Amino acid sequence: MVYQARVSQRKEEYLGEIGFLHLLGAVANILWLIVFHYSYG
């Protein structure tokens, strides 16, 4: 999904929640890639 923060929506609560979930998913993806790379390297 793509979320867009418009000027009129910058103070909405859901943007903070999306930001946290995005960060959590990004960190999990990085860790998975590192583990996968070194387990078959």
PDB file of N, CA and C in Angstrom:
ATOM      1  N   MET A   1       0.835  -1.183   0.000  1.00  0.00           N
ATOM      2  CA  MET A   1       0.000   0.000   0.000  1.00  0.00           C
ATOM      3  C   MET A   1       0.876   1.241   0.000  1.00  0.00           C
ATOM      4  N   VAL A   2       0.336   2.283  -0.529  1.00  0.00           N
ATOM      5  CA  VAL A   2       1.036   3.563  -0.547  1.00  0.00           C
ATOM      6  C   VAL A   2       0.194   4.563   0.241  1.00  0.00           C
ATOM      7  N   TYR A   3       0.825   5.200   1.205  1.00  0.00           N
ATOM      8  CA  TYR A   3       0.144   6.217   1.995  1.00  0.00           C
ATOM      9  C   TYR A   3       0.741   7.571   1.654  1.00  0.00           C
ATOM     10  N   GLN A   4      -0.104   8.566   1.551  1.00  0.00           N
ATOM     11  CA  GLN A   4       0.360   9.893   1.191  1.00  0.00           C
ATOM     12  C   GLN A   4      -0.041  10.872   2.282  1.00  0.00           C
ATOM     13  N   ALA A   5       0.933  11.624   2.774  1.00  0.00           N
ATOM     14  CA  ALA A   5       0.660  12.628   3.802  1.00  0.00           C
ATOM     15  C   ALA A   5       0.448  13.980   3.133  1.00  0.00           C
ATOM     16  N   ARG A   6      -0.770  14.366   3.012  1.00  0.00           N
ATOM     17  CA  ARG A   6      -1.084  15.665   2.415  1.00  0.00           C
ATOM     18  C   ARG A   6      -0.984  16.754   3.474  1.00  0.00           C
ATOM     19  N   VAL A   7      -0.867  17.972   3.029  1.00  0.00           N
ATOM     20  CA  VAL A   7      -0.736  19.103   3.950  1.00  0.00           C
ATOM     21  C   VAL A   7      -1.918  19.147   4.913  1.00  0.00           C
ATOM     22  N   SER A   8      -3.100  18.859   4.419  1.00  0.00           N
ATOM     23  CA  SER A   8      -4.298  18.923   5.259  1.00  0.00           C
ATOM     24  C   SER A   8      -4.409  17.744   6.220  1.00  0.00           C
ATOM     25  N   GLN A   9      -3.581  16.715   6.065  1.00  0.00           N
ATOM     26  CA  GLN A   9      -3.683  15.517   6.897  1.00  0.00           C
ATOM     27  C   GLN A   9      -2.435  15.252   7.729  1.00  0.00           C
ATOM     28  N   ARG A  10      -1.525  16.195   7.826  1.00  0.00           N
ATOM     29  CA  ARG A  10      -0.255  15.959   8.515  1.00  0.00           C
ATOM     30  C   ARG A  10      -0.402  15.686  10.003  1.00  0.00           C
ATOM     31  N   LYS A  11      -1.495  16.113  10.611  1.00  0.00           N
ATOM     32  CA  LYS A  11      -1.673  15.924  12.051  1.00  0.00           C
ATOM     33  C   LYS A  11      -2.600  14.764  12.385  1.00  0.00           C
ATOM     34  N   GLU A  12      -2.936  13.968  11.415  1.00  0.00           N
ATOM     35  CA  GLU A  12      -3.817  12.824  11.660  1.00  0.00           C
ATOM     36  C   GLU A  12      -3.084  11.746  12.448  1.00  0.00           C
ATOM     37  N   GLU A  13      -3.790  11.070  13.338  1.00  0.00           N
ATOM     38  CA  GLU A  13      -3.186  10.058  14.200  1.00  0.00           C
ATOM     39  C   GLU A  13      -2.710   8.827  13.423  1.00  0.00           C
ATOM     40  N   TYR A  14      -3.420   8.466  12.391  1.00  0.00           N
ATOM     41  CA  TYR A  14      -3.074   7.237  11.676  1.00  0.00           C
ATOM     42  C   TYR A  14      -1.698   7.311  11.025  1.00  0.00           C
ATOM     43  N   LEU A  15      -1.197   8.507  10.735  1.00  0.00           N
ATOM     44  CA  LEU A  15       0.116   8.609  10.112  1.00  0.00           C
ATOM     45  C   LEU A  15       1.216   8.161  11.062  1.00  0.00           C
ATOM     46  N   GLY A  16       1.082   8.431  12.333  1.00  0.00           N
ATOM     47  CA  GLY A  16       2.044   7.956  13.318  1.00  0.00           C
ATOM     48  C   GLY A  16       2.037   6.443  13.428  1.00  0.00           C
ATOM     49  N   GLU A  17       0.858   5.848  13.382  1.00  0.00           N
ATOM     50  CA  GLU A  17       0.738   4.387  13.452  1.00  0.00           C
ATOM     51  C   GLU A  17       1.330   3.726  12.210  1.00  0.00           C
ATOM     52  N   ILE A  18       1.093   4.302  11.071  1.00  0.00           N
ATOM     53  CA  ILE A  18       1.638   3.764   9.827  1.00  0.00           C
ATOM     54  C   ILE A  18       3.160   3.863   9.843  1.00  0.00           C
ATOM     55  N   GLY A  19       3.678   4.975  10.356  1.00  0.00           N
ATOM     56  CA  GLY A  19       5.119   5.167  10.431  1.00  0.00           C
ATOM     57  C   GLY A  19       5.790   4.089  11.264  1.00  0.00           C
ATOM     58  N   PHE A  20       5.193   3.746  12.401  1.00  0.00           N
ATOM     59  CA  PHE A  20       5.744   2.703  13.258  1.00  0.00           C
ATOM     60  C   PHE A  20       5.696   1.344  12.565  1.00  0.00           C
ATOM     61  N   LEU A  21       4.586   1.033  11.939  1.00  0.00           N
ATOM     62  CA  LEU A  21       4.469  -0.260  11.259  1.00  0.00           C
ATOM     63  C   LEU A  21       5.434  -0.355  10.087  1.00  0.00           C
ATOM     64  N   HIS A  22       5.637   0.744   9.385  1.00  0.00           N
ATOM     65  CA  HIS A  22       6.579   0.753   8.274  1.00  0.00           C
ATOM     66  C   HIS A  22       7.994   0.516   8.784  1.00  0.00           C
ATOM     67  N   LEU A  23       8.364   1.173   9.861  1.00  0.00           N
ATOM     68  CA  LEU A  23       9.691   0.985  10.447  1.00  0.00           C
ATOM     69  C   LEU A  23       9.876  -0.448  10.915  1.00  0.00           C
ATOM     70  N   LEU A  24       8.884  -1.008  11.562  1.00  0.00           N
ATOM     71  CA  LEU A  24       8.951  -2.388  12.030  1.00  0.00           C
ATOM     72  C   LEU A  24       9.117  -3.356  10.860  1.00  0.00           C
ATOM     73  N   GLY A  25       8.370  -3.166   9.801  1.00  0.00           N
ATOM     74  CA  GLY A  25       8.482  -4.012   8.618  1.00  0.00           C
ATOM     75  C   GLY A  25       9.819  -3.874   7.920  1.00  0.00           C
ATOM     76  N   ALA A  26      10.353  -2.660   7.866  1.00  0.00           N
ATOM     77  CA  ALA A  26      11.642  -2.428   7.228  1.00  0.00           C
ATOM     78  C   ALA A  26      12.768  -3.113   8.002  1.00  0.00           C
ATOM     79  N   VAL A  27      12.742  -3.007   9.318  1.00  0.00           N
ATOM     80  CA  VAL A  27      13.766  -3.654  10.139  1.00  0.00           C
ATOM     81  C   VAL A  27      13.672  -5.171  10.009  1.00  0.00           C
ATOM     82  N   ALA A  28      12.468  -5.713  10.028  1.00  0.00           N
ATOM     83  CA  ALA A  28      12.289  -7.157   9.868  1.00  0.00           C
ATOM     84  C   ALA A  28      12.798  -7.612   8.509  1.00  0.00           C
ATOM     85  N   ASN A  29      12.562  -6.845   7.479  1.00  0.00           N
ATOM     86  CA  ASN A  29      13.025  -7.198   6.144  1.00  0.00           C
ATOM     87  C   ASN A  29      14.550  -7.181   6.064  1.00  0.00           C
ATOM     88  N   ILE A  30      15.178  -6.184   6.661  1.00  0.00           N
ATOM     89  CA  ILE A  30      16.643  -6.111   6.673  1.00  0.00           C
ATOM     90  C   ILE A  30      17.226  -7.306   7.406  1.00  0.00           C
ATOM     91  N   LEU A  31      16.669  -7.630   8.567  1.00  0.00           N
ATOM     92  CA  LEU A  31      17.184  -8.774   9.334  1.00  0.00           C
ATOM     93  C   LEU A  31      17.016 -10.076   8.568  1.00  0.00           C
ATOM     94  N   TRP A  32      15.872 -10.246   7.915  1.00  0.00           N
ATOM     95  CA  TRP A  32      15.645 -11.461   7.142  1.00  0.00           C
ATOM     96  C   TRP A  32      16.649 -11.580   5.997  1.00  0.00           C
ATOM     97  N   LEU A  33      16.923 -10.475   5.320  1.00  0.00           N
ATOM     98  CA  LEU A  33      17.887 -10.505   4.223  1.00  0.00           C
ATOM     99  C   LEU A  33      19.291 -10.849   4.705  1.00  0.00           C
ATOM    100  N   ILE A  34      19.692 -10.314   5.844  1.00  0.00           N
ATOM    101  CA  ILE A  34      21.013 -10.625   6.395  1.00  0.00           C
ATOM    102  C   ILE A  34      21.103 -12.097   6.765  1.00  0.00           C
ATOM    103  N   VAL A  35      20.104 -12.609   7.451  1.00  0.00           N
ATOM    104  CA  VAL A  35      20.098 -14.028   7.848  1.00  0.00           C
ATOM    105  C   VAL A  35      20.102 -14.927   6.618  1.00  0.00           C
ATOM    106  N   PHE A  36      19.283 -14.633   5.637  1.00  0.00           N
ATOM    107  CA  PHE A  36      19.216 -15.440   4.426  1.00  0.00           C
ATOM    108  C   PHE A  36      20.545 -15.402   3.675  1.00  0.00           C
ATOM    109  N   HIS A  37      21.164 -14.235   3.599  1.00  0.00           N
ATOM    110  CA  HIS A  37      22.427 -14.087   2.872  1.00  0.00           C
ATOM    111  C   HIS A  37      23.540 -14.924   3.506  1.00  0.00           C
ATOM    112  N   TYR A  38      23.650 -14.871   4.818  1.00  0.00           N
ATOM    113  CA  TYR A  38      24.734 -15.578   5.488  1.00  0.00           C
ATOM    114  C   TYR A  38      24.454 -17.053   5.723  1.00  0.00           C
ATOM    115  N   SER A  39      23.213 -17.479   5.656  1.00  0.00           N
ATOM    116  CA  SER A  39      22.909 -18.898   5.856  1.00  0.00           C
ATOM    117  C   SER A  39      23.209 -19.713   4.599  1.00  0.00           C
ATOM    118  N   TYR A  40      23.222 -19.095   3.428  1.00  0.00           N
ATOM    119  CA  TYR A  40      23.513 -19.800   2.181  1.00  0.00           C
ATOM    120  C   TYR A  40      24.814 -19.304   1.526  1.00  0.00           C
ATOM    121  N   GLY A  41      25.578 -18.464   2.206  1.00  0.00           N
ATOM    122  CA  GLY A  41      26.762 -17.867   1.624  1.00  0.00           C
ATOM    123  C   GLY A  41      27.950 -18.715   1.826  1.00  0.00           C
TER     124      GLY A  41
END
